[in-house]
Amino acid sequence: MEELHSSSAIWLFTIVQLFGWIGGLCARFSTGSRHQSVCHTLFMLALVVVGFSTCMSLFLGSMCWLLSAATLCSMVLLAICDFDRHARPATI
């Protein structure tokens, strides 16, 4: 089996990270729109891909796992943080 060139591995890693960020941002900004279910499906797929990338990077021993783990954490925070609390009235 041929080895991946280092430049193609870096590009693949970069594309996975960008896919994760785009999935998280789409899930956040699609709230209430007609594309919400499609964007949430994209987010869940991106979550699986970035999680797999993090596990593989950790398994292969490269230090790229740290950036991939940070992307994974950022995706989760984008999904669960409430950035629109000022638009709703305060309740007790």
C-alpha atoms as a PDB file:
ATOM      1  CA  MET A   1       0.000   0.000   0.000  1.00  0.00           C
ATOM      2  CA  GLU A   2       1.339   3.404  -0.919  1.00  0.00           C
ATOM      3  CA  GLU A   3       1.970   5.948   1.775  1.00  0.00           C
ATOM      4  CA  LEU A   4       0.206   9.289   1.749  1.00  0.00           C
ATOM      5  CA  HIS A   5       2.408  12.226   0.962  1.00  0.00           C
ATOM      6  CA  SER A   6       2.698  14.636   3.844  1.00  0.00           C
ATOM      7  CA  SER A   7       1.183  17.496   1.853  1.00  0.00           C
ATOM      8  CA  SER A   8      -1.918  15.487   0.945  1.00  0.00           C
ATOM      9  CA  ALA A   9      -2.325  14.387   4.571  1.00  0.00           C
ATOM     10  CA  ILE A  10      -2.119  18.006   5.724  1.00  0.00           C
ATOM     11  CA  TRP A  11      -4.702  19.063   3.120  1.00  0.00           C
ATOM     12  CA  LEU A  12      -7.019  16.226   4.142  1.00  0.00           C
ATOM     13  CA  PHE A  13      -6.647  17.195   7.800  1.00  0.00           C
ATOM     14  CA  THR A  14      -7.369  20.845   6.966  1.00  0.00           C
ATOM     15  CA  ILE A  15     -10.475  19.921   4.985  1.00  0.00           C
ATOM     16  CA  VAL A  16     -11.775  17.823   7.891  1.00  0.00           C
ATOM     17  CA  GLN A  17     -11.272  20.726  10.307  1.00  0.00           C
ATOM     18  CA  LEU A  18     -12.996  23.190   7.975  1.00  0.00           C
ATOM     19  CA  PHE A  19     -15.861  20.732   7.502  1.00  0.00           C
ATOM     20  CA  GLY A  20     -16.264  20.613  11.270  1.00  0.00           C
ATOM     21  CA  TRP A  21     -16.348  24.391  11.650  1.00  0.00           C
ATOM     22  CA  ILE A  22     -18.743  24.836   8.725  1.00  0.00           C
ATOM     23  CA  GLY A  23     -21.038  22.143  10.122  1.00  0.00           C
ATOM     24  CA  GLY A  24     -21.075  23.807  13.537  1.00  0.00           C
ATOM     25  CA  LEU A  25     -21.740  27.260  12.155  1.00  0.00           C
ATOM     26  CA  CYS A  26     -24.480  26.002   9.844  1.00  0.00           C
ATOM     27  CA  ALA A  27     -26.184  24.244  12.754  1.00  0.00           C
ATOM     28  CA  ARG A  28     -26.012  27.420  14.844  1.00  0.00           C
ATOM     29  CA  PHE A  29     -27.206  29.901  12.241  1.00  0.00           C
ATOM     30  CA  SER A  30     -29.930  27.689  10.730  1.00  0.00           C
ATOM     31  CA  THR A  31     -32.053  27.734  13.881  1.00  0.00           C
ATOM     32  CA  GLY A  32     -35.630  28.471  12.924  1.00  0.00           C
ATOM     33  CA  SER A  33     -35.065  28.306   9.177  1.00  0.00           C
ATOM     34  CA  ARG A  34     -36.440  25.757   6.741  1.00  0.00           C
ATOM     35  CA  HIS A  35     -32.936  24.296   6.304  1.00  0.00           C
ATOM     36  CA  GLN A  36     -32.541  23.452   9.987  1.00  0.00           C
ATOM     37  CA  SER A  37     -32.899  19.673   9.641  1.00  0.00           C
ATOM     38  CA  VAL A  38     -30.417  19.531   6.755  1.00  0.00           C
ATOM     39  CA  CYS A  39     -27.901  21.640   8.684  1.00  0.00           C
ATOM     40  CA  HIS A  40     -28.304  19.517  11.807  1.00  0.00           C
ATOM     41  CA  THR A  41     -27.707  16.395   9.730  1.00  0.00           C
ATOM     42  CA  LEU A  42     -24.580  18.032   8.296  1.00  0.00           C
ATOM     43  CA  PHE A  43     -23.472  18.889  11.832  1.00  0.00           C
ATOM     44  CA  MET A  44     -23.935  15.320  13.074  1.00  0.00           C
ATOM     45  CA  LEU A  45     -21.976  13.987  10.104  1.00  0.00           C
ATOM     46  CA  ALA A  46     -19.231  16.532  10.735  1.00  0.00           C
ATOM     47  CA  LEU A  47     -19.178  15.552  14.410  1.00  0.00           C
ATOM     48  CA  VAL A  48     -18.576  11.918  13.473  1.00  0.00           C
ATOM     49  CA  VAL A  49     -15.896  12.796  10.899  1.00  0.00           C
ATOM     50  CA  VAL A  50     -13.991  15.138  13.230  1.00  0.00           C
ATOM     51  CA  GLY A  51     -14.299  12.647  16.104  1.00  0.00           C
ATOM     52  CA  PHE A  52     -12.906   9.887  13.901  1.00  0.00           C
ATOM     53  CA  SER A  53     -10.117  12.208  12.757  1.00  0.00           C
ATOM     54  CA  THR A  54      -9.264  12.981  16.376  1.00  0.00           C
ATOM     55  CA  CYS A  55      -9.118   9.291  17.288  1.00  0.00           C
ATOM     56  CA  MET A  56      -7.001   8.419  14.261  1.00  0.00           C
ATOM     57  CA  SER A  57      -4.599  11.310  14.882  1.00  0.00           C
ATOM     58  CA  LEU A  58      -4.183  10.204  18.493  1.00  0.00           C
ATOM     59  CA  PHE A  59      -3.723   6.585  17.424  1.00  0.00           C
ATOM     60  CA  LEU A  60      -1.126   7.468  14.782  1.00  0.00           C
ATOM     61  CA  GLY A  61       0.898   9.470  17.283  1.00  0.00           C
ATOM     62  CA  SER A  62       0.897  12.800  15.513  1.00  0.00           C
ATOM     63  CA  MET A  63       0.446  16.025  17.441  1.00  0.00           C
ATOM     64  CA  CYS A  64      -2.394  17.031  15.112  1.00  0.00           C
ATOM     65  CA  TRP A  65      -4.855  15.422  17.512  1.00  0.00           C
ATOM     66  CA  LEU A  66      -4.770  18.537  19.677  1.00  0.00           C
ATOM     67  CA  LEU A  67      -6.113  20.797  16.918  1.00  0.00           C
ATOM     68  CA  SER A  68      -8.702  18.194  15.983  1.00  0.00           C
ATOM     69  CA  ALA A  69      -9.818  17.881  19.616  1.00  0.00           C
ATOM     70  CA  ALA A  70     -10.103  21.671  19.867  1.00  0.00           C
ATOM     71  CA  THR A  71     -12.298  21.680  16.751  1.00  0.00           C
ATOM     72  CA  LEU A  72     -14.444  18.936  18.263  1.00  0.00           C
ATOM     73  CA  CYS A  73     -14.875  20.897  21.507  1.00  0.00           C
ATOM     74  CA  SER A  74     -15.681  24.082  19.597  1.00  0.00           C
ATOM     75  CA  MET A  75     -18.324  22.251  17.585  1.00  0.00           C
ATOM     76  CA  VAL A  76     -20.000  21.019  20.758  1.00  0.00           C
ATOM     77  CA  LEU A  77     -19.905  24.499  22.287  1.00  0.00           C
ATOM     78  CA  LEU A  78     -21.406  25.990  19.127  1.00  0.00           C
ATOM     79  CA  ALA A  79     -24.216  23.473  19.339  1.00  0.00           C
ATOM     80  CA  ILE A  80     -25.132  23.918  23.002  1.00  0.00           C
ATOM     81  CA  CYS A  81     -24.366  27.544  23.892  1.00  0.00           C
ATOM     82  CA  ASP A  82     -27.298  29.947  23.900  1.00  0.00           C
ATOM     83  CA  PHE A  83     -26.164  33.097  22.109  1.00  0.00           C
ATOM     84  CA  ASP A  84     -29.675  34.499  21.689  1.00  0.00           C
ATOM     85  CA  ARG A  85     -30.703  34.942  25.325  1.00  0.00           C
ATOM     86  CA  HIS A  86     -31.177  38.728  24.984  1.00  0.00           C
ATOM     87  CA  ALA A  87     -34.014  38.246  22.483  1.00  0.00           C
ATOM     88  CA  ARG A  88     -36.131  36.325  25.018  1.00  0.00           C
ATOM     89  CA  PRO A  89     -37.712  37.830  28.116  1.00  0.00           C
ATOM     90  CA  ALA A  90     -36.220  36.884  31.461  1.00  0.00           C
ATOM     91  CA  THR A  91     -38.140  34.241  33.397  1.00  0.00           C
ATOM     92  CA  ILE A  92     -37.927  33.163  36.989  1.00  0.00           C
END
